Amino acid sequence: MTGKERREQLLNIGRTLFAERGLDGTSVEEIAAAAGVSKPVVYEHFGGKEGLYAVVVDREFERLLGLVTEALSSAIHYRGKLEKAALALLEYIETNPDGFRILVRDSHGGTGTGSFASLLSEIAGEVEHVMARELDRRDYDEKYAPMYAQMLVGMVALTGQWWLDARRPKREEVAAHLVNLAWNGLSGLEPRPSLDPRRRRKEAERREKQAEKAAAKAEKAEEKAAAKAASRGSR
């Protein structure tokens, strides 16, 4: 095994152990034993478990930040940006549960900037620019963009932490409901949220028809009541 291959092996093993036990609950002996090497090999590559942990955290930090940043830039419409960002986080959690568990534990004091709090701050910075443009477009004061960005990122992040263990419903459904609340607010929730614009249009048309029928029914009832009242008055 080459030095590069050994380093990757130790990173993968460390990632699994740190996700299960955290930094303080994992020893160099356990890492070395799982890799089938002696402790000096771990020290040679990373200087100890703290160095290995720092590299693992930074890798996951950059991976998730890259996914969310790409999602935000890959859609044109603002709702699409939010949908893709929520899906990116949930897909990362689904495919990299160990990495996300390490991130949400928050980094150890000696691992630099790679903490969950700093990750959310980085993502909020990206969202802030998106929010500023959207608020300006709607004639709202864009000075509130940082606050709205924190609200959105916090909501998505906490949902992700809950879904890490819940895993139900499926990630697309979770993303659809999350965006439903973020985009429409409690007063305008869609009864059947979807990430598919065509399904949303059909659902909106269905609700519009229902509203028209209800309005027509109410109008007929009022006319009937008025006619009845007029009939009584003429007696």
Protein backbone atom coordinates (compact mmCIF):
# COMPACT_ATOMS: atom_id res chain seq x y z
CA MET A 1 0.00 0.00 0.00
CA THR A 2 1.39 3.40 -0.98
CA GLY A 3 1.63 6.28 1.45
CA LYS A 4 -1.31 8.00 -0.27
CA GLU A 5 -3.42 4.85 -0.09
CA ARG A 6 -2.55 4.37 3.59
CA ARG A 7 -3.54 7.98 4.31
CA GLU A 8 -6.91 7.46 2.62
CA GLN A 9 -7.43 4.22 4.53
CA LEU A 10 -6.78 5.96 7.84
CA LEU A 11 -9.11 8.81 6.89
CA ASN A 12 -11.94 6.39 6.06
CA ILE A 13 -11.43 4.40 9.25
CA GLY A 14 -11.17 7.54 11.35
CA ARG A 15 -14.33 8.92 9.75
CA THR A 16 -16.30 5.84 10.76
CA LEU A 17 -14.94 5.72 14.31
CA PHE A 18 -15.34 9.45 14.93
CA ALA A 19 -18.94 9.30 13.69
CA GLU A 20 -19.71 6.50 16.16
CA ARG A 21 -17.76 7.71 19.19
CA GLY A 22 -16.60 11.27 18.64
CA LEU A 23 -13.06 12.52 19.02
CA ASP A 24 -12.76 11.97 22.76
CA GLY A 25 -14.25 8.49 22.54
CA THR A 26 -11.79 7.30 19.90
CA SER A 27 -8.19 6.32 20.59
CA VAL A 28 -5.14 6.12 18.35
CA GLU A 29 -4.88 2.46 19.32
CA GLU A 30 -8.36 1.75 17.93
CA ILE A 31 -7.61 3.59 14.71
CA ALA A 32 -4.34 1.74 14.23
CA ALA A 33 -5.89 -1.64 15.06
CA ALA A 34 -8.74 -1.12 12.58
CA ALA A 35 -6.20 -0.22 9.89
CA GLY A 36 -3.91 -3.12 10.77
CA VAL A 37 -0.95 -0.82 11.45
CA SER A 38 1.03 0.34 14.45
CA LYS A 39 0.36 3.61 16.26
CA PRO A 40 3.49 5.30 14.86
CA VAL A 41 1.96 5.04 11.36
CA VAL A 42 -1.00 7.14 12.47
CA TYR A 43 1.34 9.68 14.05
CA GLU A 44 3.50 9.72 10.92
CA HIS A 45 0.58 10.69 8.68
CA PHE A 46 -1.44 12.96 10.96
CA GLY A 47 0.55 13.67 14.14
CA GLY A 48 -2.15 12.01 16.26
CA LYS A 49 -5.91 11.54 16.36
CA GLU A 50 -6.55 15.30 16.57
CA GLY A 51 -4.77 15.84 13.26
CA LEU A 52 -6.70 12.99 11.64
CA TYR A 53 -9.97 14.36 13.01
CA ALA A 54 -9.20 17.84 11.69
CA VAL A 55 -8.66 16.54 8.16
CA VAL A 56 -11.85 14.45 8.29
CA VAL A 57 -13.92 17.43 9.51
CA ASP A 58 -12.43 19.82 6.95
CA ARG A 59 -13.12 17.36 4.13
CA GLU A 60 -16.76 16.97 5.10
CA PHE A 61 -17.06 20.71 5.64
CA GLU A 62 -15.81 21.48 2.12
CA ARG A 63 -17.86 18.68 0.56
CA LEU A 64 -21.18 19.83 2.00
CA LEU A 65 -20.44 23.53 1.45
CA GLY A 66 -19.58 22.79 -2.18
CA LEU A 67 -22.82 20.85 -2.73
CA VAL A 68 -25.03 23.55 -1.27
CA THR A 69 -23.18 26.39 -3.03
CA GLU A 70 -23.48 24.58 -6.36
CA ALA A 71 -27.20 23.98 -5.74
CA LEU A 72 -27.79 27.67 -5.05
CA SER A 73 -26.07 28.69 -8.28
CA SER A 74 -27.56 25.99 -10.51
CA ALA A 75 -31.17 27.25 -10.45
CA ILE A 76 -32.50 30.53 -11.84
CA HIS A 77 -35.77 30.91 -9.94
CA TYR A 78 -35.48 31.59 -6.22
CA ARG A 79 -37.82 28.78 -5.25
CA GLY A 80 -35.70 26.44 -7.37
CA LYS A 81 -32.56 27.57 -5.53
CA LEU A 82 -34.16 26.75 -2.20
CA GLU A 83 -35.40 23.39 -3.46
CA LYS A 84 -32.01 22.37 -4.82
CA ALA A 85 -30.19 23.50 -1.68
CA ALA A 86 -32.55 21.54 0.58
CA LEU A 87 -32.20 18.46 -1.63
CA ALA A 88 -28.40 18.81 -1.67
CA LEU A 89 -28.26 18.77 2.13
CA LEU A 90 -30.64 15.82 2.42
CA GLU A 91 -28.81 13.87 -0.28
CA TYR A 92 -25.51 14.49 1.51
CA ILE A 93 -27.03 13.21 4.76
CA GLU A 94 -28.42 10.14 3.01
CA THR A 95 -25.16 9.23 1.28
CA ASN A 96 -22.74 10.48 3.96
CA PRO A 97 -24.41 9.93 7.35
CA ASP A 98 -21.06 9.45 9.08
CA GLY A 99 -19.77 12.73 7.70
CA PHE A 100 -22.86 14.63 8.80
CA ARG A 101 -22.75 13.09 12.29
CA ILE A 102 -19.17 14.30 12.62
CA LEU A 103 -20.13 17.81 11.49
CA VAL A 104 -23.11 18.17 13.81
CA ARG A 105 -21.04 17.07 16.79
CA ASP A 106 -19.17 20.34 16.16
CA SER A 107 -15.44 20.30 15.74
CA HIS A 108 -12.97 19.91 18.55
CA GLY A 109 -11.36 23.11 19.75
CA GLY A 110 -8.11 22.40 17.94
CA THR A 111 -9.51 21.66 14.50
CA GLY A 112 -9.76 25.20 13.16
CA THR A 113 -12.75 26.51 11.28
CA GLY A 114 -14.31 23.19 10.28
CA SER A 115 -17.26 23.24 12.66
CA PHE A 116 -20.97 22.93 12.01
CA ALA A 117 -21.54 26.47 13.28
CA SER A 118 -18.96 27.89 10.89
CA LEU A 119 -20.36 25.74 8.06
CA LEU A 120 -23.83 27.19 8.61
CA SER A 121 -22.30 30.66 8.71
CA GLU A 122 -20.61 30.05 5.35
CA ILE A 123 -23.85 28.77 3.81
CA ALA A 124 -25.81 31.69 5.28
CA GLY A 125 -23.32 34.02 3.60
CA GLU A 126 -24.15 32.45 0.23
CA VAL A 127 -27.89 32.59 0.93
CA GLU A 128 -27.63 36.21 2.04
CA HIS A 129 -26.74 37.36 -1.48
CA VAL A 130 -29.70 35.45 -2.90
CA MET A 131 -32.04 36.88 -0.26
CA ALA A 132 -30.84 40.45 -0.85
CA ARG A 133 -31.71 40.24 -4.55
CA GLU A 134 -35.09 38.66 -3.85
CA LEU A 135 -36.01 41.22 -1.17
CA ASP A 136 -34.98 44.06 -3.45
CA ARG A 137 -37.06 42.59 -6.29
CA ARG A 138 -40.10 42.55 -4.02
CA ASP A 139 -39.43 46.10 -2.78
CA TYR A 140 -38.51 44.93 0.71
CA ASP A 141 -35.60 46.37 2.65
CA GLU A 142 -32.57 44.27 1.73
CA LYS A 143 -30.83 45.17 4.99
CA TYR A 144 -32.82 42.29 6.50
CA ALA A 145 -31.21 39.76 4.11
CA PRO A 146 -28.65 38.50 6.70
CA MET A 147 -31.43 37.82 9.21
CA TYR A 148 -33.63 36.01 6.69
CA ALA A 149 -30.62 34.00 5.51
CA GLN A 150 -29.96 32.81 9.07
CA MET A 151 -33.62 31.85 9.47
CA LEU A 152 -33.69 29.81 6.28
CA VAL A 153 -30.37 28.05 6.89
CA GLY A 154 -31.26 27.31 10.49
CA MET A 155 -34.58 25.77 9.47
CA VAL A 156 -32.97 23.59 6.81
CA ALA A 157 -30.09 22.53 9.08
CA LEU A 158 -32.34 21.54 11.99
CA THR A 159 -34.59 19.60 9.64
CA GLY A 160 -31.53 17.79 8.35
CA GLN A 161 -30.42 16.88 11.87
CA TRP A 162 -33.88 15.47 12.63
CA TRP A 163 -33.99 13.54 9.34
CA LEU A 164 -30.53 12.03 9.93
CA ASP A 165 -32.16 9.58 12.34
CA ALA A 166 -35.82 9.71 11.28
CA ARG A 167 -35.23 9.01 7.55
CA ARG A 168 -38.96 9.31 6.89
CA PRO A 169 -40.50 10.50 4.71
CA LYS A 170 -38.23 10.31 1.65
CA ARG A 171 -35.83 13.17 1.06
CA GLU A 172 -37.81 14.60 -1.89
CA GLU A 173 -40.94 14.77 0.24
CA VAL A 174 -39.06 16.33 3.15
CA ALA A 175 -37.57 18.93 0.81
CA ALA A 176 -40.98 19.69 -0.69
CA HIS A 177 -42.57 20.30 2.73
CA LEU A 178 -39.58 22.30 3.91
CA VAL A 179 -39.76 24.59 0.87
CA ASN A 180 -43.54 24.75 1.27
CA LEU A 181 -43.14 26.32 4.71
CA ALA A 182 -40.18 28.52 3.78
CA TRP A 183 -41.71 29.79 0.53
CA ASN A 184 -45.40 30.06 1.38
CA GLY A 185 -45.42 30.58 5.14
CA LEU A 186 -47.93 29.04 7.50
CA SER A 187 -50.80 31.12 6.14
CA GLY A 188 -50.25 29.95 2.56
CA LEU A 189 -49.22 26.32 2.91
CA GLU A 190 -49.88 24.13 -0.12
CA PRO A 191 -51.98 21.06 0.85
CA ARG A 192 -49.92 18.82 -1.44
CA PRO A 193 -46.43 20.31 -1.83
CA SER A 194 -44.21 19.03 -4.63
CA LEU A 195 -40.83 19.82 -6.14
CA ASP A 196 -42.35 19.40 -9.61
CA PRO A 197 -43.59 22.78 -11.01
CA ARG A 198 -46.13 21.02 -13.26
CA ARG A 199 -47.68 19.19 -10.32
CA ARG A 200 -47.81 22.46 -8.39
CA ARG A 201 -49.60 24.18 -11.27
CA LYS A 202 -52.13 21.35 -11.54
CA GLU A 203 -52.67 21.43 -7.78
CA ALA A 204 -53.17 25.22 -7.91
CA GLU A 205 -55.67 24.81 -10.75
CA ARG A 206 -57.50 22.13 -8.78
CA ARG A 207 -57.72 24.39 -5.72
CA GLU A 208 -58.87 27.28 -7.89
CA LYS A 209 -61.67 25.18 -9.37
CA GLN A 210 -62.68 24.01 -5.90
CA ALA A 211 -62.77 27.63 -4.74
CA GLU A 212 -64.90 28.61 -7.75
CA LYS A 213 -67.34 25.78 -7.07
CA ALA A 214 -67.52 26.72 -3.41
CA ALA A 215 -68.12 30.36 -4.31
CA ALA A 216 -70.82 29.42 -6.83
CA LYS A 217 -72.50 27.15 -4.27
CA ALA A 218 -72.41 29.90 -1.67
CA GLU A 219 -73.85 32.38 -4.16
CA LYS A 220 -76.71 30.04 -5.01
CA ALA A 221 -77.41 29.50 -1.34
CA GLU A 222 -77.52 33.26 -0.79
CA GLU A 223 -79.86 33.73 -3.78
CA LYS A 224 -82.11 30.96 -2.49
CA ALA A 225 -82.17 32.46 0.97
CA ALA A 226 -82.91 35.92 -0.45
CA ALA A 227 -85.74 34.52 -2.63
CA LYS A 228 -87.18 32.71 0.36
CA ALA A 229 -87.05 35.86 2.46
CA ALA A 230 -88.70 37.88 -0.32
CA SER A 231 -91.45 35.27 -0.62
CA ARG A 232 -92.18 35.48 3.09
CA GLY A 233 -92.24 39.26 2.96
CA SER A 234 -94.83 39.32 0.18
CA ARG A 235 -97.32 37.25 2.15
